[in-house]
Amino acid sequence: MSAPSGRPASPALLALRRLPNPRLTGIGAGLFAAAAMFLIGCADWLLFDESPVVFGLLFLPVSALTALWVRPADLVTAPIGVPIAFAVGIAPISGGTGGLGGRTMAVVTALAVHAGWLYGGTLVAGVIASVRKVRLMRARQRRLMQAAHTARPVAAAPAPAGRTAERAPRRPSQR
């Protein structure tokens, strides 16, 4: 494989081309992020004794993948679904006792304490989605400009035969 400029592609680029490239709907991207973060939260609870740093560090690539894998029509949903996924995933590691009220307060407290990770992942998803949108708009504008540049002017169609030379009959109200 070679790069568009004619030189051989780098090994890193070849490795990136082999990665999966799914196109998820907005709901699918949100579900992917929520499921991934819940599994990461559970694994963090089991393996790393509820480490918020591990959870936050793994949240960043999930945010990036969500923004990369959402289809172009649903780009706006990536920065919206990622914080929801963070809240879903932080539930297993937030601690809390005393029933539903205690667990809810623990999740709210964990969201407040770890807001830096939450903002960072949302920023990652927002930047990636914005860059993708700008690239799509530029590519569309480039295609339209190229189509307008290569289009040939259409010759004027000949007038239909018949009544074009003669006058149209007048209605009685016009006499």
Protein backbone atom coordinates (compact mmCIF):
# COMPACT_ATOMS: atom_id res chain seq x y z
CA MET A 1 0.00 0.00 0.00
CA SER A 2 1.19 3.48 -0.65
CA ALA A 3 0.21 6.90 0.56
CA PRO A 4 -1.71 9.23 -1.81
CA SER A 5 1.50 11.15 -2.54
CA GLY A 6 3.07 8.03 -4.08
CA ARG A 7 5.53 7.22 -1.30
CA PRO A 8 5.11 4.07 0.82
CA ALA A 9 2.78 4.38 3.81
CA SER A 10 4.30 4.32 7.28
CA PRO A 11 3.83 1.23 9.45
CA ALA A 12 1.80 3.27 11.95
CA LEU A 13 -0.61 4.33 9.20
CA LEU A 14 -0.93 0.75 8.01
CA ALA A 15 -1.70 -0.38 11.58
CA LEU A 16 -4.37 2.33 11.90
CA ARG A 17 -5.99 1.20 8.65
CA ARG A 18 -6.34 -2.33 10.05
CA LEU A 19 -8.33 -1.14 13.07
CA PRO A 20 -12.10 -1.55 12.95
CA ASN A 21 -14.01 1.43 11.65
CA PRO A 22 -17.63 0.96 12.70
CA ARG A 23 -20.21 3.68 12.15
CA LEU A 24 -22.53 3.79 15.13
CA THR A 25 -25.76 5.72 15.37
CA GLY A 26 -26.06 8.28 18.12
CA ILE A 27 -27.85 5.83 20.39
CA GLY A 28 -25.40 3.07 19.49
CA ALA A 29 -22.44 5.29 20.32
CA GLY A 30 -24.01 6.21 23.66
CA LEU A 31 -24.70 2.57 24.45
CA PHE A 32 -21.17 1.59 23.44
CA ALA A 33 -19.68 4.26 25.72
CA ALA A 34 -21.99 3.41 28.63
CA ALA A 35 -21.35 -0.34 28.36
CA ALA A 36 -17.60 0.15 28.01
CA MET A 37 -17.45 2.50 30.99
CA PHE A 38 -19.59 0.20 33.13
CA LEU A 39 -17.28 -2.73 32.32
CA ILE A 40 -14.24 -0.56 33.03
CA GLY A 41 -15.79 0.53 36.32
CA CYS A 42 -16.45 -3.08 37.31
CA ALA A 43 -12.93 -4.13 36.32
CA ASP A 44 -11.51 -1.16 38.24
CA TRP A 45 -13.51 -2.17 41.31
CA LEU A 46 -12.27 -5.77 41.10
CA LEU A 47 -8.66 -5.27 40.01
CA PHE A 48 -7.53 -1.83 41.11
CA ASP A 49 -9.52 -1.28 44.33
CA GLU A 50 -11.72 1.54 42.95
CA SER A 51 -8.88 3.66 41.56
CA PRO A 52 -10.28 6.90 40.09
CA VAL A 53 -7.05 7.52 38.16
CA VAL A 54 -7.32 4.22 36.29
CA PHE A 55 -10.99 4.89 35.59
CA GLY A 56 -10.28 8.43 34.36
CA LEU A 57 -7.36 7.36 32.18
CA LEU A 58 -9.46 4.67 30.54
CA PHE A 59 -12.35 7.12 30.09
CA LEU A 60 -10.28 9.25 27.70
CA PRO A 61 -9.80 6.57 25.00
CA VAL A 62 -13.43 5.50 25.31
CA SER A 63 -14.41 9.13 24.68
CA ALA A 64 -12.12 9.30 21.65
CA LEU A 65 -13.41 6.02 20.20
CA THR A 66 -16.99 7.11 20.71
CA ALA A 67 -16.35 10.33 18.78
CA LEU A 68 -14.44 8.48 16.04
CA TRP A 69 -16.97 5.70 15.59
CA VAL A 70 -20.20 7.71 15.55
CA ARG A 71 -21.52 8.18 12.03
CA PRO A 72 -21.29 11.64 10.45
CA ALA A 73 -25.00 12.41 10.74
CA ASP A 74 -24.85 11.88 14.52
CA LEU A 75 -21.62 13.70 15.37
CA VAL A 76 -23.35 16.01 17.81
CA THR A 77 -24.30 13.07 20.05
CA ALA A 78 -20.72 12.08 20.91
CA PRO A 79 -20.05 14.90 23.40
CA ILE A 80 -23.52 14.37 24.87
CA GLY A 81 -23.34 10.61 25.41
CA VAL A 82 -19.85 10.52 26.87
CA PRO A 83 -20.66 12.27 30.19
CA ILE A 84 -23.66 10.01 30.62
CA ALA A 85 -21.37 7.02 30.12
CA PHE A 86 -19.00 8.43 32.74
CA ALA A 87 -21.86 8.61 35.24
CA VAL A 88 -22.92 5.05 34.43
CA GLY A 89 -19.37 3.75 34.78
CA ILE A 90 -18.56 5.53 38.02
CA ALA A 91 -21.41 3.82 39.88
CA PRO A 92 -19.45 0.62 40.66
CA ILE A 93 -16.43 2.50 42.04
CA SER A 94 -18.20 5.30 43.88
CA GLY A 95 -18.72 3.32 47.08
CA GLY A 96 -21.62 4.32 49.25
CA THR A 97 -23.73 2.37 51.68
CA GLY A 98 -27.21 2.64 53.07
CA GLY A 99 -29.40 1.68 50.15
CA LEU A 100 -30.41 3.65 47.09
CA GLY A 101 -30.03 7.06 48.73
CA GLY A 102 -26.49 6.32 49.92
CA ARG A 103 -25.45 4.96 46.51
CA THR A 104 -26.97 7.96 44.72
CA MET A 105 -25.15 10.41 46.98
CA ALA A 106 -21.90 8.50 46.44
CA VAL A 107 -22.31 8.73 42.66
CA VAL A 108 -23.09 12.47 42.82
CA THR A 109 -20.08 13.04 45.09
CA ALA A 110 -17.82 10.99 42.80
CA LEU A 111 -19.01 12.99 39.79
CA ALA A 112 -18.16 16.23 41.60
CA VAL A 113 -14.78 15.02 42.83
CA HIS A 114 -13.73 13.56 39.47
CA ALA A 115 -15.13 16.37 37.32
CA GLY A 116 -11.69 16.94 35.78
CA TRP A 117 -11.75 13.53 34.11
CA LEU A 118 -15.34 14.10 33.08
CA TYR A 119 -14.54 17.46 31.46
CA GLY A 120 -11.39 16.08 29.86
CA GLY A 121 -13.18 13.17 28.20
CA THR A 122 -16.03 15.41 27.08
CA LEU A 123 -13.49 17.83 25.63
CA VAL A 124 -11.74 15.00 23.77
CA ALA A 125 -15.04 13.84 22.27
CA GLY A 126 -16.08 17.39 21.41
CA VAL A 127 -12.80 18.26 19.70
CA ILE A 128 -12.75 15.05 17.67
CA ALA A 129 -16.39 15.47 16.63
CA SER A 130 -15.80 19.12 15.69
CA VAL A 131 -12.72 18.31 13.61
CA ARG A 132 -14.60 15.54 11.83
CA LYS A 133 -17.50 17.89 11.10
CA VAL A 134 -15.20 20.62 9.73
CA ARG A 135 -13.44 18.08 7.51
CA LEU A 136 -16.78 16.80 6.21
CA MET A 137 -17.97 20.33 5.44
CA ARG A 138 -14.71 21.19 3.65
CA ALA A 139 -14.85 17.99 1.60
CA ARG A 140 -18.43 18.73 0.62
CA GLN A 141 -17.56 22.29 -0.35
CA ARG A 142 -14.58 21.03 -2.36
CA ARG A 143 -16.82 18.55 -4.21
CA LEU A 144 -19.37 21.26 -4.96
CA MET A 145 -16.70 23.66 -6.21
CA GLN A 146 -15.16 20.97 -8.39
CA ALA A 147 -18.58 20.00 -9.77
CA ALA A 148 -19.37 23.63 -10.56
CA HIS A 149 -15.97 24.09 -12.17
CA THR A 150 -16.24 21.04 -14.41
CA ALA A 151 -19.92 21.46 -15.30
CA ARG A 152 -20.64 22.60 -18.85
CA PRO A 153 -23.24 25.24 -19.53
CA VAL A 154 -26.47 23.77 -20.82
CA ALA A 155 -27.48 25.01 -24.28
CA ALA A 156 -30.81 26.80 -24.50
CA ALA A 157 -33.56 24.40 -25.40
CA PRO A 158 -35.28 25.11 -28.72
CA ALA A 159 -38.76 26.53 -28.54
CA PRO A 160 -41.52 23.96 -29.05
CA ALA A 161 -43.00 23.88 -32.53
CA GLY A 162 -46.55 24.94 -33.08
CA ARG A 163 -47.97 28.09 -31.52
CA THR A 164 -44.71 29.81 -30.68
CA ALA A 165 -44.77 32.08 -33.71
CA GLU A 166 -48.49 32.73 -33.72
CA ARG A 167 -50.38 34.60 -31.12
CA ALA A 168 -52.23 32.81 -28.40
CA PRO A 169 -56.00 33.26 -28.56
CA ARG A 170 -57.41 35.78 -26.14
CA ARG A 171 -59.88 34.97 -23.46
CA PRO A 172 -63.21 36.75 -23.64
CA SER A 173 -62.37 38.89 -20.63
CA GLN A 174 -59.29 40.31 -22.38
CA ARG A 175 -61.14 41.68 -25.44
